[in-house]
Amino acid sequence: MKHFADHCAVCHNNNGSGDTIFGRGLYPKPPDMRTAGTQNKSDGELYYIIENGVRLTGMPAFAEHAAVDDIETWNLVTFIRHLPVLTDSELTEMQSLNPKTDDDRKEEQEEQEFLSGGDSQVQHSHH
């Protein structure tokens, strides 16, 4: 789940729908991985796609990436199988695992400062 949220969700969405800003911009679009087109593939086929990518699409090959080892790829296959029954709490957990932009981090920091009672906004504006 963590790996999917961090590396795959930017195009595939946390829920596997493929409905993301990046996903909508790709041709062909990423498949809805919750549906038969993906779920009816064998584990070996899914493994192959993760490792080798899909030619002439936005899906890259990850076999060359040292960050993705054999076990990680099989874990992703297992997670893809779980996408059709993902729970709301799992989706919420995944949101916290998605890659953060600088804006996200800044916003989180400001929220933390605000919640911890610091009136950081006022202090910042008087520099």
N, C-alpha and C. Protein backbone atom coordinates (compact mmCIF):
# COMPACT_ATOMS: atom_id res chain seq x y z
N MET A 1 0.82 -1.20 0.00
CA MET A 1 0.00 0.00 0.00
C MET A 1 0.87 1.26 0.00
N LYS A 2 1.89 1.24 0.86
CA LYS A 2 2.78 2.40 0.98
C LYS A 2 3.48 2.67 -0.35
N HIS A 3 4.02 1.62 -0.96
CA HIS A 3 4.74 1.77 -2.22
C HIS A 3 3.79 2.27 -3.32
N PHE A 4 2.61 1.72 -3.37
CA PHE A 4 1.62 2.11 -4.38
C PHE A 4 1.27 3.59 -4.21
N ALA A 5 1.01 4.00 -2.96
CA ALA A 5 0.64 5.39 -2.69
C ALA A 5 1.77 6.34 -3.07
N ASP A 6 3.00 5.91 -2.82
CA ASP A 6 4.15 6.77 -3.06
C ASP A 6 4.59 6.80 -4.52
N HIS A 7 4.46 5.69 -5.23
CA HIS A 7 5.02 5.61 -6.58
C HIS A 7 4.01 5.46 -7.71
N CYS A 8 2.85 4.90 -7.43
CA CYS A 8 1.91 4.55 -8.51
C CYS A 8 0.70 5.48 -8.58
N ALA A 9 0.31 5.99 -7.39
CA ALA A 9 -0.95 6.73 -7.29
C ALA A 9 -0.97 8.03 -8.08
N VAL A 10 0.20 8.59 -8.35
CA VAL A 10 0.24 9.86 -9.09
C VAL A 10 -0.46 9.71 -10.45
N CYS A 11 -0.36 8.54 -11.06
CA CYS A 11 -1.08 8.28 -12.32
C CYS A 11 -2.30 7.38 -12.13
N HIS A 12 -2.20 6.43 -11.20
CA HIS A 12 -3.26 5.42 -11.06
C HIS A 12 -4.31 5.76 -10.01
N ASN A 13 -4.06 6.82 -9.20
CA ASN A 13 -4.93 7.20 -8.09
C ASN A 13 -4.78 6.16 -6.97
N ASN A 14 -5.04 6.57 -5.74
CA ASN A 14 -4.94 5.62 -4.61
C ASN A 14 -5.87 4.44 -4.80
N ASN A 15 -7.04 4.68 -5.39
CA ASN A 15 -8.03 3.61 -5.53
C ASN A 15 -7.87 2.80 -6.81
N GLY A 16 -6.86 3.13 -7.63
CA GLY A 16 -6.61 2.37 -8.85
C GLY A 16 -7.47 2.78 -10.03
N SER A 17 -8.27 3.85 -9.87
CA SER A 17 -9.21 4.25 -10.94
C SER A 17 -8.50 4.83 -12.15
N GLY A 18 -7.29 5.35 -11.96
CA GLY A 18 -6.58 6.02 -13.05
C GLY A 18 -7.03 7.45 -13.25
N ASP A 19 -7.93 7.92 -12.40
CA ASP A 19 -8.47 9.27 -12.55
C ASP A 19 -7.64 10.25 -11.71
N THR A 20 -6.58 10.78 -12.32
CA THR A 20 -5.72 11.78 -11.68
C THR A 20 -5.40 12.83 -12.73
N ILE A 21 -4.84 13.94 -12.30
CA ILE A 21 -4.44 14.98 -13.26
C ILE A 21 -3.48 14.39 -14.29
N PHE A 22 -2.48 13.63 -13.81
CA PHE A 22 -1.51 13.03 -14.73
C PHE A 22 -2.17 11.96 -15.58
N GLY A 23 -2.97 11.11 -14.94
CA GLY A 23 -3.63 10.02 -15.65
C GLY A 23 -4.50 10.50 -16.79
N ARG A 24 -5.26 11.58 -16.54
CA ARG A 24 -6.15 12.11 -17.58
C ARG A 24 -5.37 12.66 -18.76
N GLY A 25 -4.10 13.06 -18.50
CA GLY A 25 -3.29 13.63 -19.57
C GLY A 25 -2.56 12.60 -20.40
N LEU A 26 -2.62 11.34 -19.99
CA LEU A 26 -1.90 10.29 -20.71
C LEU A 26 -2.75 9.70 -21.82
N TYR A 27 -2.08 9.27 -22.89
CA TYR A 27 -2.77 8.52 -23.93
C TYR A 27 -1.93 7.30 -24.25
N PRO A 28 -2.48 6.10 -24.17
CA PRO A 28 -3.82 5.83 -23.63
C PRO A 28 -3.87 6.08 -22.13
N LYS A 29 -5.05 6.31 -21.60
CA LYS A 29 -5.22 6.57 -20.17
C LYS A 29 -4.91 5.31 -19.37
N PRO A 30 -4.45 5.49 -18.12
CA PRO A 30 -4.24 4.31 -17.27
C PRO A 30 -5.57 3.58 -17.07
N PRO A 31 -5.54 2.27 -17.03
CA PRO A 31 -6.81 1.52 -16.86
C PRO A 31 -7.35 1.67 -15.45
N ASP A 32 -8.66 1.46 -15.30
CA ASP A 32 -9.22 1.33 -13.96
C ASP A 32 -8.83 -0.06 -13.49
N MET A 33 -7.88 -0.12 -12.56
CA MET A 33 -7.30 -1.39 -12.15
C MET A 33 -8.25 -2.23 -11.30
N ARG A 34 -9.41 -1.67 -10.95
CA ARG A 34 -10.38 -2.41 -10.14
C ARG A 34 -11.27 -3.29 -11.02
N THR A 35 -11.22 -3.06 -12.33
CA THR A 35 -12.13 -3.76 -13.23
C THR A 35 -11.48 -5.00 -13.85
N ALA A 36 -12.30 -5.76 -14.55
CA ALA A 36 -11.88 -7.06 -15.10
C ALA A 36 -10.63 -6.97 -15.96
N GLY A 37 -10.49 -5.89 -16.72
CA GLY A 37 -9.33 -5.75 -17.61
C GLY A 37 -8.01 -5.98 -16.89
N THR A 38 -7.92 -5.50 -15.67
CA THR A 38 -6.72 -5.71 -14.86
C THR A 38 -6.86 -6.93 -13.96
N GLN A 39 -7.99 -7.05 -13.29
CA GLN A 39 -8.17 -8.10 -12.29
C GLN A 39 -8.16 -9.51 -12.91
N ASN A 40 -8.54 -9.64 -14.18
CA ASN A 40 -8.54 -10.95 -14.83
C ASN A 40 -7.17 -11.36 -15.37
N LYS A 41 -6.20 -10.44 -15.30
CA LYS A 41 -4.84 -10.81 -15.70
C LYS A 41 -4.27 -11.74 -14.63
N SER A 42 -3.34 -12.61 -15.04
CA SER A 42 -2.69 -13.48 -14.06
C SER A 42 -1.70 -12.67 -13.23
N ASP A 43 -1.32 -13.22 -12.08
CA ASP A 43 -0.31 -12.56 -11.26
C ASP A 43 0.96 -12.33 -12.08
N GLY A 44 1.33 -13.32 -12.88
CA GLY A 44 2.53 -13.22 -13.72
C GLY A 44 2.44 -12.07 -14.72
N GLU A 45 1.25 -11.89 -15.31
CA GLU A 45 1.07 -10.79 -16.26
C GLU A 45 1.21 -9.43 -15.56
N LEU A 46 0.61 -9.32 -14.37
CA LEU A 46 0.72 -8.06 -13.63
C LEU A 46 2.18 -7.80 -13.25
N TYR A 47 2.85 -8.83 -12.79
CA TYR A 47 4.27 -8.72 -12.44
C TYR A 47 5.07 -8.24 -13.66
N TYR A 48 4.80 -8.84 -14.81
CA TYR A 48 5.51 -8.50 -16.05
C TYR A 48 5.30 -7.03 -16.39
N ILE A 49 4.06 -6.56 -16.27
CA ILE A 49 3.75 -5.16 -16.60
C ILE A 49 4.50 -4.21 -15.68
N ILE A 50 4.53 -4.51 -14.38
CA ILE A 50 5.25 -3.64 -13.44
C ILE A 50 6.74 -3.63 -13.77
N GLU A 51 7.29 -4.78 -14.05
CA GLU A 51 8.73 -4.89 -14.32
C GLU A 51 9.12 -4.30 -15.68
N ASN A 52 8.28 -4.53 -16.70
CA ASN A 52 8.66 -4.20 -18.07
C ASN A 52 7.91 -3.02 -18.69
N GLY A 53 6.89 -2.53 -17.98
CA GLY A 53 6.13 -1.42 -18.53
C GLY A 53 5.24 -1.87 -19.67
N VAL A 54 4.59 -0.90 -20.28
CA VAL A 54 3.74 -1.17 -21.45
C VAL A 54 4.19 -0.23 -22.55
N ARG A 55 4.69 -0.81 -23.63
CA ARG A 55 5.21 0.00 -24.73
C ARG A 55 4.18 1.00 -25.24
N LEU A 56 4.67 2.18 -25.61
CA LEU A 56 3.84 3.23 -26.20
C LEU A 56 2.72 3.72 -25.27
N THR A 57 2.95 3.60 -23.97
CA THR A 57 2.03 4.19 -22.99
C THR A 57 2.88 4.93 -21.95
N GLY A 58 2.22 5.52 -20.98
CA GLY A 58 2.94 6.21 -19.91
C GLY A 58 3.47 5.28 -18.84
N MET A 59 3.21 3.96 -18.99
CA MET A 59 3.65 3.02 -17.95
C MET A 59 5.09 2.61 -18.18
N PRO A 60 6.00 3.10 -17.31
CA PRO A 60 7.41 2.77 -17.50
C PRO A 60 7.77 1.39 -16.95
N ALA A 61 8.94 0.91 -17.34
CA ALA A 61 9.46 -0.35 -16.79
C ALA A 61 10.18 -0.03 -15.49
N PHE A 62 9.90 -0.82 -14.46
CA PHE A 62 10.55 -0.57 -13.18
C PHE A 62 11.63 -1.59 -12.85
N ALA A 63 11.88 -2.54 -13.74
CA ALA A 63 12.88 -3.57 -13.48
C ALA A 63 14.26 -2.97 -13.26
N GLU A 64 14.58 -1.87 -13.97
CA GLU A 64 15.91 -1.27 -13.85
C GLU A 64 16.06 -0.50 -12.55
N HIS A 65 14.95 -0.14 -11.92
CA HIS A 65 15.01 0.67 -10.70
C HIS A 65 15.38 -0.23 -9.52
N ALA A 66 16.52 0.06 -8.95
CA ALA A 66 16.99 -0.73 -7.81
C ALA A 66 16.01 -0.64 -6.65
N ALA A 67 15.23 0.45 -6.62
CA ALA A 67 14.29 0.67 -5.51
C ALA A 67 13.19 -0.39 -5.49
N VAL A 68 12.92 -0.96 -6.65
CA VAL A 68 11.84 -1.96 -6.73
C VAL A 68 12.48 -3.34 -6.87
N ASP A 69 12.40 -4.14 -5.81
CA ASP A 69 12.95 -5.48 -5.91
C ASP A 69 11.82 -6.47 -6.17
N ASP A 70 12.20 -7.71 -6.36
CA ASP A 70 11.27 -8.78 -6.66
C ASP A 70 10.10 -8.84 -5.68
N ILE A 71 10.43 -8.80 -4.40
CA ILE A 71 9.40 -8.93 -3.37
C ILE A 71 8.44 -7.75 -3.42
N GLU A 72 8.99 -6.55 -3.63
CA GLU A 72 8.17 -5.35 -3.73
C GLU A 72 7.20 -5.48 -4.90
N THR A 73 7.67 -6.01 -6.01
CA THR A 73 6.81 -6.18 -7.19
C THR A 73 5.68 -7.15 -6.89
N TRP A 74 6.00 -8.27 -6.24
CA TRP A 74 4.94 -9.23 -5.88
C TRP A 74 3.97 -8.62 -4.87
N ASN A 75 4.49 -7.79 -3.95
CA ASN A 75 3.61 -7.10 -3.01
C ASN A 75 2.65 -6.17 -3.75
N LEU A 76 3.15 -5.51 -4.79
CA LEU A 76 2.29 -4.63 -5.59
C LEU A 76 1.20 -5.44 -6.29
N VAL A 77 1.57 -6.61 -6.82
CA VAL A 77 0.57 -7.48 -7.46
C VAL A 77 -0.52 -7.82 -6.44
N THR A 78 -0.11 -8.18 -5.23
CA THR A 78 -1.07 -8.51 -4.17
C THR A 78 -1.96 -7.30 -3.86
N PHE A 79 -1.35 -6.13 -3.80
CA PHE A 79 -2.13 -4.92 -3.50
C PHE A 79 -3.11 -4.60 -4.63
N ILE A 80 -2.69 -4.78 -5.88
CA ILE A 80 -3.59 -4.54 -7.03
C ILE A 80 -4.81 -5.44 -6.93
N ARG A 81 -4.63 -6.66 -6.46
CA ARG A 81 -5.75 -7.59 -6.25
C ARG A 81 -6.74 -7.06 -5.21
N HIS A 82 -6.21 -6.26 -4.28
CA HIS A 82 -7.02 -5.74 -3.18
C HIS A 82 -7.79 -4.46 -3.56
N LEU A 83 -7.37 -3.79 -4.65
CA LEU A 83 -7.98 -2.51 -5.02
C LEU A 83 -9.51 -2.53 -5.09
N PRO A 84 -10.14 -3.58 -5.65
CA PRO A 84 -11.60 -3.55 -5.74
C PRO A 84 -12.31 -3.51 -4.39
N VAL A 85 -11.63 -3.88 -3.31
CA VAL A 85 -12.28 -3.90 -1.99
C VAL A 85 -11.60 -2.97 -0.99
N LEU A 86 -10.87 -1.98 -1.51
CA LEU A 86 -10.21 -1.01 -0.66
C LEU A 86 -11.23 -0.30 0.24
N THR A 87 -10.89 -0.14 1.50
CA THR A 87 -11.83 0.51 2.43
C THR A 87 -11.55 2.01 2.51
N ASP A 88 -12.51 2.76 3.04
CA ASP A 88 -12.34 4.20 3.22
C ASP A 88 -11.15 4.50 4.13
N SER A 89 -11.00 3.69 5.19
CA SER A 89 -9.88 3.95 6.11
C SER A 89 -8.54 3.68 5.42
N GLU A 90 -8.49 2.68 4.53
CA GLU A 90 -7.25 2.43 3.78
C GLU A 90 -6.96 3.61 2.84
N LEU A 91 -7.99 4.13 2.19
CA LEU A 91 -7.80 5.28 1.30
C LEU A 91 -7.29 6.49 2.08
N THR A 92 -7.83 6.70 3.27
CA THR A 92 -7.38 7.81 4.11
C THR A 92 -5.92 7.62 4.49
N GLU A 93 -5.56 6.40 4.87
CA GLU A 93 -4.16 6.12 5.22
C GLU A 93 -3.25 6.38 4.02
N MET A 94 -3.70 6.00 2.83
CA MET A 94 -2.89 6.18 1.62
C MET A 94 -2.66 7.66 1.33
N GLN A 95 -3.66 8.49 1.59
CA GLN A 95 -3.50 9.92 1.33
C GLN A 95 -2.31 10.48 2.10
N SER A 96 -2.09 9.97 3.30
CA SER A 96 -0.95 10.46 4.10
C SER A 96 0.36 9.91 3.55
N LEU A 97 0.30 8.89 2.70
CA LEU A 97 1.51 8.28 2.14
C LEU A 97 1.84 8.80 0.74
N ASN A 98 0.93 9.57 0.15
CA ASN A 98 1.19 10.11 -1.18
C ASN A 98 2.37 11.09 -1.14
N PRO A 99 3.10 11.18 -2.25
CA PRO A 99 4.25 12.12 -2.28
C PRO A 99 3.75 13.53 -1.99
N LYS A 100 4.51 14.27 -1.22
CA LYS A 100 4.10 15.63 -0.87
C LYS A 100 4.82 16.67 -1.72
N THR A 101 4.11 17.68 -2.12
CA THR A 101 4.72 18.81 -2.82
C THR A 101 5.22 19.80 -1.77
N ASP A 102 6.03 20.74 -2.19
CA ASP A 102 6.50 21.76 -1.27
C ASP A 102 5.33 22.54 -0.68
N ASP A 103 4.31 22.81 -1.52
CA ASP A 103 3.12 23.52 -1.05
C ASP A 103 2.41 22.72 0.04
N ASP A 104 2.29 21.39 -0.17
CA ASP A 104 1.66 20.53 0.83
C ASP A 104 2.40 20.64 2.16
N ARG A 105 3.73 20.58 2.10
CA ARG A 105 4.54 20.62 3.31
C ARG A 105 4.38 21.96 4.03
N LYS A 106 4.38 23.04 3.25
CA LYS A 106 4.24 24.39 3.82
C LYS A 106 2.88 24.51 4.51
N GLU A 107 1.84 24.02 3.84
CA GLU A 107 0.49 24.08 4.39
C GLU A 107 0.41 23.28 5.69
N GLU A 108 0.99 22.07 5.68
CA GLU A 108 1.00 21.24 6.89
C GLU A 108 1.71 21.94 8.04
N GLN A 109 2.84 22.57 7.73
CA GLN A 109 3.61 23.26 8.75
C GLN A 109 2.79 24.41 9.34
N GLU A 110 2.12 25.16 8.47
CA GLU A 110 1.30 26.28 8.93
C GLU A 110 0.15 25.78 9.80
N GLU A 111 -0.46 24.65 9.39
CA GLU A 111 -1.54 24.06 10.18
C GLU A 111 -1.03 23.66 11.55
N GLN A 112 0.15 23.01 11.59
CA GLN A 112 0.74 22.58 12.85
C GLN A 112 1.01 23.78 13.76
N GLU A 113 1.58 24.84 13.19
CA GLU A 113 1.89 26.04 13.97
C GLU A 113 0.60 26.64 14.52
N PHE A 114 -0.42 26.68 13.68
CA PHE A 114 -1.71 27.23 14.10
C PHE A 114 -2.31 26.39 15.21
N LEU A 115 -2.29 25.05 15.02
CA LEU A 115 -2.90 24.15 15.99
C LEU A 115 -2.14 24.15 17.32
N SER A 116 -0.85 24.41 17.26
CA SER A 116 -0.07 24.43 18.50
C SER A 116 -0.13 25.80 19.17
N GLY A 117 -1.02 26.66 18.70
CA GLY A 117 -1.29 27.92 19.39
C GLY A 117 -0.37 29.06 19.04
N GLY A 118 0.60 28.81 18.16
CA GLY A 118 1.48 29.89 17.74
C GLY A 118 0.73 30.80 16.78
N ASP A 119 0.87 32.13 16.97
CA ASP A 119 0.23 32.99 15.97
C ASP A 119 1.30 33.37 14.95
N SER A 120 1.77 32.33 14.26
CA SER A 120 2.89 32.49 13.33
C SER A 120 2.54 33.42 12.17
N GLN A 121 1.28 33.42 11.77
CA GLN A 121 0.86 34.27 10.65
C GLN A 121 1.16 35.73 10.96
N VAL A 122 0.81 36.16 12.16
CA VAL A 122 0.99 37.54 12.56
C VAL A 122 2.49 37.87 12.60
N GLN A 123 3.28 37.00 13.22
CA GLN A 123 4.72 37.25 13.33
C GLN A 123 5.37 37.31 11.95
N HIS A 124 4.98 36.39 11.05
CA HIS A 124 5.60 36.35 9.72
C HIS A 124 5.34 37.63 8.95
N SER A 125 4.16 38.22 9.12
CA SER A 125 3.80 39.34 8.26
C SER A 125 4.47 40.66 8.68
N HIS A 126 5.16 40.68 9.83
CA HIS A 126 5.78 41.92 10.29
C HIS A 126 7.28 41.97 10.07
N HIS A 127 7.82 41.07 9.25
CA HIS A 127 9.28 41.08 9.01
C HIS A 127 9.69 42.29 8.22
